[in-house]
Amino acid sequence: MNALPSHRPIPARVLPLLLACLMGTVAPTNVLAQALEWRSFPEAVAAARKSGKAILVDVYAPWCGWCRKMQTEVYTLPELRDYLHEHFEIARLNLEEYGDTVTFKGYTLTSAELAMGLGASSTPTTVFLEPDGAYITRLPGFHEGDVFLQVLRFIGTGAYHRLTYEEFLAKERDP
């Protein structure tokens, strides 16, 4: 007769980690290591004035699942992260933050008011600004990494000054 395999109890020090992983509350190490360092909006604007880079503003809400998906699945892609570092100053604005103040272009607003003033009415929304803070465009919703990187290249190369997005994509396909 075959004996049943013996089962050893799970050590007490391993159980909390195992439960956290099963519940999805622990981010994979590579996601934490690859996270971007977001600046405050005023810091990004000041840095853009010095660097001459465009500004990317990630408008989010703490409860937004699609925002978290952008943070963990799109902004962690190495090629995308590298492109952002090279061509953009990056900031985040909480669409629901009414308890702070941000001064921009002579106006003092809350983060929520500024985000709405930049055209964000839902989350996630990505807003692009010139280095001097002038509005370029906004991209509402979640976008997969490859599509998002194309948009970043369209803005980051300055192609938006002379081409439509469709013309840019056509040139990318047929150089």
Protein backbone atom coordinates (compact mmCIF):
# COMPACT_ATOMS: atom_id res chain seq x y z
CA MET A 1 0.00 0.00 0.00
CA ASN A 2 1.34 3.44 -0.92
CA ALA A 3 1.58 5.93 1.87
CA LEU A 4 0.25 9.41 1.33
CA PRO A 5 2.98 12.02 1.12
CA SER A 6 3.50 13.84 4.34
CA HIS A 7 2.58 17.51 4.34
CA ARG A 8 4.65 19.95 6.27
CA PRO A 9 3.01 23.04 7.73
CA ILE A 10 3.86 26.35 6.10
CA PRO A 11 6.37 28.24 8.26
CA ALA A 12 4.78 31.20 10.05
CA ARG A 13 7.24 33.69 8.50
CA VAL A 14 6.26 32.63 4.94
CA LEU A 15 2.49 32.68 5.40
CA PRO A 16 1.94 36.51 5.30
CA LEU A 17 4.00 36.82 2.10
CA LEU A 18 2.17 33.91 0.49
CA LEU A 19 -1.21 35.40 1.39
CA ALA A 20 -0.20 38.84 0.11
CA CYS A 21 0.90 37.36 -3.22
CA LEU A 22 -2.30 35.37 -3.57
CA MET A 23 -4.36 38.50 -2.87
CA GLY A 24 -2.33 40.57 -5.34
CA THR A 25 -1.12 43.14 -2.84
CA VAL A 26 2.59 42.67 -3.49
CA ALA A 27 3.91 44.17 -6.72
CA PRO A 28 6.51 42.12 -8.57
CA THR A 29 10.04 43.23 -7.78
CA ASN A 30 10.71 44.23 -11.40
CA VAL A 31 7.73 46.63 -11.37
CA LEU A 32 9.01 48.37 -8.25
CA ALA A 33 12.55 48.56 -9.61
CA GLN A 34 11.35 49.97 -12.93
CA ALA A 35 8.92 52.57 -11.60
CA LEU A 36 9.31 56.10 -12.90
CA GLU A 37 10.12 58.95 -10.57
CA TRP A 38 7.24 61.34 -11.07
CA ARG A 39 7.78 64.99 -10.28
CA SER A 40 5.28 67.44 -8.93
CA PHE A 41 3.70 69.57 -11.65
CA PRO A 42 5.65 72.74 -10.68
CA GLU A 43 8.94 70.77 -10.60
CA ALA A 44 8.30 69.31 -14.06
CA VAL A 45 7.46 72.75 -15.51
CA ALA A 46 10.62 74.27 -14.00
CA ALA A 47 12.74 71.35 -15.26
CA ALA A 48 11.24 71.65 -18.77
CA ARG A 49 12.13 75.33 -18.94
CA LYS A 50 15.75 74.38 -18.26
CA SER A 51 15.96 71.20 -20.33
CA GLY A 52 13.79 72.24 -23.29
CA LYS A 53 11.92 68.93 -23.07
CA ALA A 54 8.17 68.58 -23.51
CA ILE A 55 6.08 67.87 -20.41
CA LEU A 56 3.99 64.73 -19.98
CA VAL A 57 1.31 64.99 -17.30
CA ASP A 58 -0.31 61.76 -16.14
CA VAL A 59 -3.76 62.64 -14.77
CA TYR A 60 -4.99 59.87 -12.50
CA ALA A 61 -7.30 59.05 -9.59
CA PRO A 62 -6.30 56.79 -6.68
CA TRP A 63 -9.25 54.44 -7.27
CA CYS A 64 -8.69 54.16 -11.06
CA GLY A 65 -7.84 50.62 -12.14
CA TRP A 66 -6.82 51.72 -15.65
CA CYS A 67 -4.43 54.25 -14.08
CA ARG A 68 -2.79 51.48 -12.06
CA LYS A 69 -2.61 49.37 -15.23
CA MET A 70 -0.79 52.24 -17.01
CA GLN A 71 1.64 52.49 -14.08
CA THR A 72 2.38 48.75 -13.86
CA GLU A 73 2.12 47.59 -17.49
CA VAL A 74 2.96 50.58 -19.68
CA TYR A 75 5.20 53.01 -17.80
CA THR A 76 7.44 50.10 -16.71
CA LEU A 77 8.34 49.05 -20.26
CA PRO A 78 12.11 49.66 -20.62
CA GLU A 79 11.98 51.22 -24.11
CA LEU A 80 9.13 53.51 -23.10
CA ARG A 81 10.81 54.52 -19.83
CA ASP A 82 14.04 55.29 -21.67
CA TYR A 83 12.19 57.40 -24.24
CA LEU A 84 10.40 59.32 -21.49
CA HIS A 85 13.68 60.07 -19.68
CA GLU A 86 15.30 61.28 -22.88
CA HIS A 87 12.47 63.44 -24.26
CA PHE A 88 10.09 64.46 -21.46
CA GLU A 89 9.78 65.95 -18.03
CA ILE A 90 7.05 63.95 -16.28
CA ALA A 91 4.48 64.85 -13.65
CA ARG A 92 1.29 63.44 -12.19
CA LEU A 93 -1.91 65.22 -11.19
CA ASN A 94 -4.63 63.66 -9.06
CA LEU A 95 -7.99 64.50 -10.67
CA GLU A 96 -9.62 64.33 -7.22
CA GLU A 97 -7.12 66.41 -5.22
CA TYR A 98 -8.81 69.60 -4.03
CA GLY A 99 -6.72 70.14 -0.90
CA ASP A 100 -3.54 71.48 -2.48
CA THR A 101 -2.57 74.48 -4.57
CA VAL A 102 -0.57 74.66 -7.78
CA THR A 103 0.44 77.91 -9.46
CA PHE A 104 0.60 77.81 -13.25
CA LYS A 105 0.57 80.68 -15.75
CA GLY A 106 -0.43 83.18 -13.07
CA TYR A 107 -3.32 81.09 -11.71
CA THR A 108 -3.44 79.32 -8.37
CA LEU A 109 -5.52 76.17 -8.63
CA THR A 110 -5.92 72.81 -6.98
CA SER A 111 -4.50 69.77 -8.77
CA ALA A 112 -8.06 68.79 -9.71
CA GLU A 113 -8.83 72.22 -11.15
CA LEU A 114 -5.55 72.28 -13.11
CA ALA A 115 -6.15 68.77 -14.47
CA MET A 116 -9.64 69.77 -15.61
CA GLY A 117 -8.28 73.02 -17.04
CA LEU A 118 -5.86 70.94 -19.10
CA GLY A 119 -8.84 69.05 -20.51
CA ALA A 120 -8.83 65.94 -18.35
CA SER A 121 -12.40 64.96 -17.53
CA SER A 122 -11.67 61.27 -16.90
CA THR A 123 -8.81 59.06 -15.87
CA PRO A 124 -6.33 58.15 -17.04
CA THR A 125 -5.62 61.10 -19.29
CA THR A 126 -2.16 62.01 -20.56
CA VAL A 127 -1.59 65.70 -21.25
CA PHE A 128 1.33 66.98 -23.30
CA LEU A 129 2.73 70.50 -22.90
CA GLU A 130 5.50 72.46 -24.59
CA PRO A 131 8.59 73.22 -22.47
CA ASP A 132 7.12 76.67 -21.75
CA GLY A 133 3.85 75.10 -20.55
CA ALA A 134 1.84 75.77 -23.73
CA TYR A 135 -0.78 73.11 -24.43
CA ILE A 136 -0.03 70.52 -27.15
CA THR A 137 -2.73 67.87 -26.80
CA ARG A 138 -4.23 65.25 -24.52
CA LEU A 139 -4.72 61.52 -24.83
CA PRO A 140 -7.60 60.13 -22.77
CA GLY A 141 -7.79 56.52 -21.64
CA PHE A 142 -5.54 53.51 -21.30
CA HIS A 143 -3.22 52.67 -24.20
CA GLU A 144 -1.03 49.62 -24.70
CA GLY A 145 2.71 50.22 -24.62
CA ASP A 146 3.39 50.04 -28.35
CA VAL A 147 0.62 52.52 -29.19
CA PHE A 148 1.61 54.82 -26.33
CA LEU A 149 5.25 54.79 -27.46
CA GLN A 150 4.18 55.87 -30.97
CA VAL A 151 2.35 58.84 -29.43
CA LEU A 152 5.41 59.68 -27.33
CA ARG A 153 7.58 59.63 -30.46
CA PHE A 154 5.10 61.84 -32.30
CA ILE A 155 5.33 64.44 -29.53
CA GLY A 156 8.96 63.85 -28.48
CA THR A 157 10.37 64.31 -31.99
CA GLY A 158 8.34 67.46 -32.57
CA ALA A 159 6.63 65.82 -35.56
CA TYR A 160 3.29 67.23 -34.36
CA HIS A 161 4.49 70.67 -35.55
CA ARG A 162 4.50 69.60 -39.20
CA LEU A 163 2.49 66.35 -39.53
CA THR A 164 -0.84 64.93 -38.50
CA TYR A 165 -0.63 61.80 -36.37
CA GLU A 166 -1.81 59.71 -39.33
CA GLU A 167 0.93 61.18 -41.57
CA PHE A 168 3.49 60.48 -38.85
CA LEU A 169 2.37 56.84 -38.58
CA ALA A 170 2.53 56.44 -42.36
CA LYS A 171 6.11 57.78 -42.41
CA GLU A 172 7.04 55.46 -39.54
CA ARG A 173 5.74 52.46 -41.52
CA ASP A 174 7.34 53.55 -44.83
CA PRO A 175 10.48 55.60 -44.03
